[in-house]
Amino acid sequence: MKKKSGAMGESPDRLNVIVEGSKIVGDFIAESNVRIDGEIQGNVSSSSKIVIGPTGFIKGNLVCADADVEGRIEGILKVENLLSLRSKARVSGEITTGKIQIEEGAEFSGQCKMSNFSPSAKNGSKENSLQEDVVY
């Protein structure tokens, strides 16, 4: 996953919104921020942040830079930086993330792997190659 230079992906006028009552069947790919209050049956990926609102539901894999989850996800989550599970979040599947924040009341069923990997760590330095992933 490659993040575009500059703050274009973070700009509020570059926000994709899937509103409550909407349903997407198939993969959804975006370069900017995404807010999901509807349902997606398929894989979701973004080089920016994804917010899943309280009525949002993803049945498929999620790949993004950051994620803030209040709704439900069933699938594999790969979050490069911070994954926040809010108190009403319901996640079933496998998580790989750099950092995780879980509020009291959030539900998670599956595996969580904390990864030190980042695209900038690809430089092949000996120090980076010695870092190991931690499995909880």
C-alpha atoms as a PDB file:
ATOM      1  CA  MET A   1       0.000   0.000   0.000  1.00  0.00           C
ATOM      2  CA  LYS A   2       1.448   3.355  -0.966  1.00  0.00           C
ATOM      3  CA  LYS A   3       0.350   6.642   0.511  1.00  0.00           C
ATOM      4  CA  LYS A   4       0.359   9.607  -1.822  1.00  0.00           C
ATOM      5  CA  SER A   5       2.629  12.476  -0.946  1.00  0.00           C
ATOM      6  CA  GLY A   6       1.017  15.496   0.606  1.00  0.00           C
ATOM      7  CA  ALA A   7      -2.247  15.651   2.506  1.00  0.00           C
ATOM      8  CA  MET A   8      -4.590  15.084  -0.450  1.00  0.00           C
ATOM      9  CA  GLY A   9      -5.908  11.781   0.963  1.00  0.00           C
ATOM     10  CA  GLU A  10      -6.614  13.459   4.308  1.00  0.00           C
ATOM     11  CA  SER A  11      -8.521  16.412   2.838  1.00  0.00           C
ATOM     12  CA  PRO A  12     -12.156  16.585   4.040  1.00  0.00           C
ATOM     13  CA  ASP A  13     -13.373  17.301   0.508  1.00  0.00           C
ATOM     14  CA  ARG A  14     -11.860  13.964  -0.604  1.00  0.00           C
ATOM     15  CA  LEU A  15     -14.044  11.812   1.668  1.00  0.00           C
ATOM     16  CA  ASN A  16     -15.930   8.807   0.282  1.00  0.00           C
ATOM     17  CA  VAL A  17     -19.135   8.066   2.202  1.00  0.00           C
ATOM     18  CA  ILE A  18     -21.239   4.902   2.007  1.00  0.00           C
ATOM     19  CA  VAL A  19     -24.426   6.016   3.749  1.00  0.00           C
ATOM     20  CA  GLU A  20     -26.753   3.913   5.883  1.00  0.00           C
ATOM     21  CA  GLY A  21     -29.126   1.892   3.716  1.00  0.00           C
ATOM     22  CA  SER A  22     -26.581   1.544   0.892  1.00  0.00           C
ATOM     23  CA  LYS A  23     -25.116  -1.829  -0.036  1.00  0.00           C
ATOM     24  CA  ILE A  24     -22.090  -2.577  -2.204  1.00  0.00           C
ATOM     25  CA  VAL A  25     -21.458  -6.097  -3.476  1.00  0.00           C
ATOM     26  CA  GLY A  26     -17.887  -6.284  -4.756  1.00  0.00           C
ATOM     27  CA  ASP A  27     -14.532  -4.738  -3.962  1.00  0.00           C
ATOM     28  CA  PHE A  28     -14.190  -1.070  -3.001  1.00  0.00           C
ATOM     29  CA  ILE A  29     -10.853   0.719  -3.563  1.00  0.00           C
ATOM     30  CA  ALA A  30     -10.118   4.341  -2.632  1.00  0.00           C
ATOM     31  CA  GLU A  31      -7.074   6.576  -2.287  1.00  0.00           C
ATOM     32  CA  SER A  32      -8.759   9.009   0.102  1.00  0.00           C
ATOM     33  CA  ASN A  33     -10.541   8.691   3.450  1.00  0.00           C
ATOM     34  CA  VAL A  34     -13.665   6.516   3.583  1.00  0.00           C
ATOM     35  CA  ARG A  35     -16.636   6.494   5.972  1.00  0.00           C
ATOM     36  CA  ILE A  36     -18.870   3.423   5.861  1.00  0.00           C
ATOM     37  CA  ASP A  37     -22.322   3.553   7.444  1.00  0.00           C
ATOM     38  CA  GLY A  38     -23.845   1.093   4.971  1.00  0.00           C
ATOM     39  CA  GLU A  39     -22.912  -2.478   4.057  1.00  0.00           C
ATOM     40  CA  ILE A  40     -20.099  -3.786   1.872  1.00  0.00           C
ATOM     41  CA  GLN A  41     -19.871  -7.433   0.876  1.00  0.00           C
ATOM     42  CA  GLY A  42     -16.396  -7.538  -0.587  1.00  0.00           C
ATOM     43  CA  ASN A  43     -12.882  -6.336   0.067  1.00  0.00           C
ATOM     44  CA  VAL A  44     -12.189  -2.711   1.039  1.00  0.00           C
ATOM     45  CA  SER A  45      -8.845  -0.965   0.619  1.00  0.00           C
ATOM     46  CA  SER A  46      -7.627   2.604   0.992  1.00  0.00           C
ATOM     47  CA  SER A  47      -4.225   4.239   1.285  1.00  0.00           C
ATOM     48  CA  SER A  48      -5.801   6.560   3.896  1.00  0.00           C
ATOM     49  CA  LYS A  49      -8.144   6.214   6.888  1.00  0.00           C
ATOM     50  CA  ILE A  50     -11.333   4.157   6.996  1.00  0.00           C
ATOM     51  CA  VAL A  51     -14.093   4.870   9.517  1.00  0.00           C
ATOM     52  CA  ILE A  52     -16.815   2.280  10.027  1.00  0.00           C
ATOM     53  CA  GLY A  53     -19.771   3.939  11.709  1.00  0.00           C
ATOM     54  CA  PRO A  54     -22.145   2.238  14.168  1.00  0.00           C
ATOM     55  CA  THR A  55     -24.399   0.970  11.341  1.00  0.00           C
ATOM     56  CA  GLY A  56     -21.485   0.059   9.052  1.00  0.00           C
ATOM     57  CA  PHE A  57     -20.756  -3.563   8.132  1.00  0.00           C
ATOM     58  CA  ILE A  58     -17.992  -5.133   6.059  1.00  0.00           C
ATOM     59  CA  LYS A  59     -18.071  -8.804   5.141  1.00  0.00           C
ATOM     60  CA  GLY A  60     -14.667  -9.134   3.507  1.00  0.00           C
ATOM     61  CA  ASN A  61     -11.079  -8.058   3.970  1.00  0.00           C
ATOM     62  CA  LEU A  62     -10.000  -4.554   4.979  1.00  0.00           C
ATOM     63  CA  VAL A  63      -6.618  -3.021   4.056  1.00  0.00           C
ATOM     64  CA  CYS A  64      -5.838   0.594   4.994  1.00  0.00           C
ATOM     65  CA  ALA A  65      -3.435   3.011   6.665  1.00  0.00           C
ATOM     66  CA  ASP A  66      -5.651   3.697   9.733  1.00  0.00           C
ATOM     67  CA  ALA A  67      -9.060   2.418  10.819  1.00  0.00           C
ATOM     68  CA  ASP A  68     -11.660   3.533  13.352  1.00  0.00           C
ATOM     69  CA  VAL A  69     -14.341   0.874  13.878  1.00  0.00           C
ATOM     70  CA  GLU A  70     -17.722   1.308  15.580  1.00  0.00           C
ATOM     71  CA  GLY A  71     -19.652  -1.154  13.421  1.00  0.00           C
ATOM     72  CA  ARG A  72     -19.041  -4.768  12.376  1.00  0.00           C
ATOM     73  CA  ILE A  73     -16.342  -6.483  10.329  1.00  0.00           C
ATOM     74  CA  GLU A  74     -16.103 -10.145   9.349  1.00  0.00           C
ATOM     75  CA  GLY A  75     -12.798 -10.827   7.609  1.00  0.00           C
ATOM     76  CA  ILE A  76      -9.077 -10.114   7.625  1.00  0.00           C
ATOM     77  CA  LEU A  77      -7.942  -6.634   8.703  1.00  0.00           C
ATOM     78  CA  LYS A  78      -4.535  -5.269   7.702  1.00  0.00           C
ATOM     79  CA  VAL A  79      -4.033  -1.799   9.167  1.00  0.00           C
ATOM     80  CA  GLU A  80      -0.632  -0.235   8.638  1.00  0.00           C
ATOM     81  CA  ASN A  81      -0.732   2.219  11.565  1.00  0.00           C
ATOM     82  CA  LEU A  82      -3.506   2.553  14.184  1.00  0.00           C
ATOM     83  CA  LEU A  83      -6.615   0.401  14.509  1.00  0.00           C
ATOM     84  CA  SER A  84      -9.190   1.785  16.984  1.00  0.00           C
ATOM     85  CA  LEU A  85     -12.014  -0.497  18.102  1.00  0.00           C
ATOM     86  CA  ARG A  86     -14.739   1.624  19.704  1.00  0.00           C
ATOM     87  CA  SER A  87     -17.045   0.338  22.438  1.00  0.00           C
ATOM     88  CA  LYS A  88     -19.727  -0.884  19.999  1.00  0.00           C
ATOM     89  CA  ALA A  89     -17.280  -2.512  17.536  1.00  0.00           C
ATOM     90  CA  ARG A  90     -17.788  -6.187  16.630  1.00  0.00           C
ATOM     91  CA  VAL A  91     -14.843  -7.773  14.787  1.00  0.00           C
ATOM     92  CA  SER A  92     -14.581 -11.400  13.744  1.00  0.00           C
ATOM     93  CA  GLY A  93     -11.404 -12.412  11.946  1.00  0.00           C
ATOM     94  CA  GLU A  94      -7.674 -11.889  11.843  1.00  0.00           C
ATOM     95  CA  ILE A  95      -6.030  -8.541  12.581  1.00  0.00           C
ATOM     96  CA  THR A  96      -2.559  -7.383  11.570  1.00  0.00           C
ATOM     97  CA  THR A  97      -1.751  -3.839  12.692  1.00  0.00           C
ATOM     98  CA  GLY A  98       1.037  -1.575  13.871  1.00  0.00           C
ATOM     99  CA  LYS A  99      -0.920  -0.268  16.880  1.00  0.00           C
ATOM    100  CA  ILE A 100      -4.280  -1.140  18.379  1.00  0.00           C
ATOM    101  CA  GLN A 101      -6.625   0.704  20.717  1.00  0.00           C
ATOM    102  CA  ILE A 102      -9.598  -1.200  22.147  1.00  0.00           C
ATOM    103  CA  GLU A 103     -12.314   0.517  24.169  1.00  0.00           C
ATOM    104  CA  GLU A 104     -14.211  -1.301  26.902  1.00  0.00           C
ATOM    105  CA  GLY A 105     -17.218  -3.087  25.423  1.00  0.00           C
ATOM    106  CA  ALA A 106     -15.673  -3.797  22.012  1.00  0.00           C
ATOM    107  CA  GLU A 107     -15.891  -7.430  20.889  1.00  0.00           C
ATOM    108  CA  PHE A 108     -13.132  -9.219  18.996  1.00  0.00           C
ATOM    109  CA  SER A 109     -13.026 -12.878  17.998  1.00  0.00           C
ATOM    110  CA  GLY A 110      -9.941 -14.139  16.174  1.00  0.00           C
ATOM    111  CA  GLN A 111      -6.201 -13.497  16.112  1.00  0.00           C
ATOM    112  CA  CYS A 112      -4.283 -10.259  16.453  1.00  0.00           C
ATOM    113  CA  LYS A 113      -0.742  -9.822  15.169  1.00  0.00           C
ATOM    114  CA  MET A 114       1.181  -6.670  16.001  1.00  0.00           C
ATOM    115  CA  SER A 115       3.601  -5.925  13.190  1.00  0.00           C
ATOM    116  CA  ASN A 116       6.667  -3.706  13.212  1.00  0.00           C
ATOM    117  CA  PHE A 117       6.685  -3.740   9.416  1.00  0.00           C
ATOM    118  CA  SER A 118       6.168  -0.528   7.514  1.00  0.00           C
ATOM    119  CA  PRO A 119       6.971   0.377   3.918  1.00  0.00           C
ATOM    120  CA  SER A 120       9.844   2.568   5.181  1.00  0.00           C
ATOM    121  CA  ALA A 121      11.396  -0.499   6.865  1.00  0.00           C
ATOM    122  CA  LYS A 122      12.066  -2.077   3.458  1.00  0.00           C
ATOM    123  CA  ASN A 123      15.504  -0.473   3.281  1.00  0.00           C
ATOM    124  CA  GLY A 124      17.078  -3.798   4.259  1.00  0.00           C
ATOM    125  CA  SER A 125      18.920  -2.505   7.308  1.00  0.00           C
ATOM    126  CA  LYS A 126      20.134  -5.130   9.736  1.00  0.00           C
ATOM    127  CA  GLU A 127      18.324  -3.446  12.627  1.00  0.00           C
ATOM    128  CA  ASN A 128      14.933  -3.676  10.865  1.00  0.00           C
ATOM    129  CA  SER A 129      15.500  -7.285   9.843  1.00  0.00           C
ATOM    130  CA  LEU A 130      16.101  -8.234  13.494  1.00  0.00           C
ATOM    131  CA  GLN A 131      12.744  -6.901  14.648  1.00  0.00           C
ATOM    132  CA  GLU A 132      10.190  -9.673  15.069  1.00  0.00           C
ATOM    133  CA  ASP A 133       6.444  -9.578  14.913  1.00  0.00           C
ATOM    134  CA  VAL A 134       4.645 -10.113  18.207  1.00  0.00           C
ATOM    135  CA  VAL A 135       1.606 -12.397  18.305  1.00  0.00           C
ATOM    136  CA  TYR A 136      -0.971 -12.004  21.109  1.00  0.00           C
END
